[in-house]
Amino acid sequence: AYRRSQRVEKRLADKRARILRAARQLVAEGGFREAQVAAVAAVAGVATGTVYRYFPSKADLFAEVLRQTSQREVDVVSQIASSGGSASTRVADGVRAFATRAIRGRRLAYALIAEPVDPEIDSARLEYRHALGQVFEGMITEGVEAGEFVPQNVEASAACVVGALIEGLVGPLSPRSKTLEHDREHLVEAIVCFCLRALSSDDDYESRLGRS
């Protein structure tokens, strides 16, 4: 049976990666709707048919873009989760990092979390939210065990934290919104405080973070 050489495998993998980079670039510039397959092919330096050899449909291509890009965000929060320190500080830092990075890559972040998309892409989006929720679930569990957070259904609480985090950003990240032009830091800290209030059910979260 025919077996591809390592050189051929590498060339195919490189071409696939180039297509994904091009697609991500276009989504970051104009969202999923503006990123057409022909444009992706042009930026990647390949024929349109080549894109379809790697990805059967536009939805398959952009679902993979969402998976790859969102995994980086999950990895960032996961690093914070395993960094040590109090659970409340790590939850705050995780929320803050996610929100700050989303604001920095505003157009791409809006596409990943809120832009109307095909069902295949929306399915990948749900996987993203679930993976992020699992990271926060671990931190909340540790916080409950340490007495930092009140006893609660940690799975539900983690899903609510992710929901609050994402929904708190949807409006401001919208291409038509001007909120982020004036008050980025206040928005991020408002989301952080909301999430910690919800987990603590008191105002002691500020003292835990060393703030007055």
Foldseek 3Di string as FASTA:
>chain_A
DDDDDPVVVVVLVVLLVLLLVLQLVQCLVPRLVRRDLCSSCVSSVHHSVSNCVVAVDSLRSVLVSLLVVLVVLLVVLLCLLPVDDALLQSLLVSLLVSLVVCLVSLSSSLNNQPDDDDPSNVVSSVVSLQSSLVSNLVSLVRCCVVVNFPDDDSSVLSSVLSVLSRVLCNQCSPPPHPVCVPPSPVSSVVSSQVSSCVGHVDNCSQVSNVHD
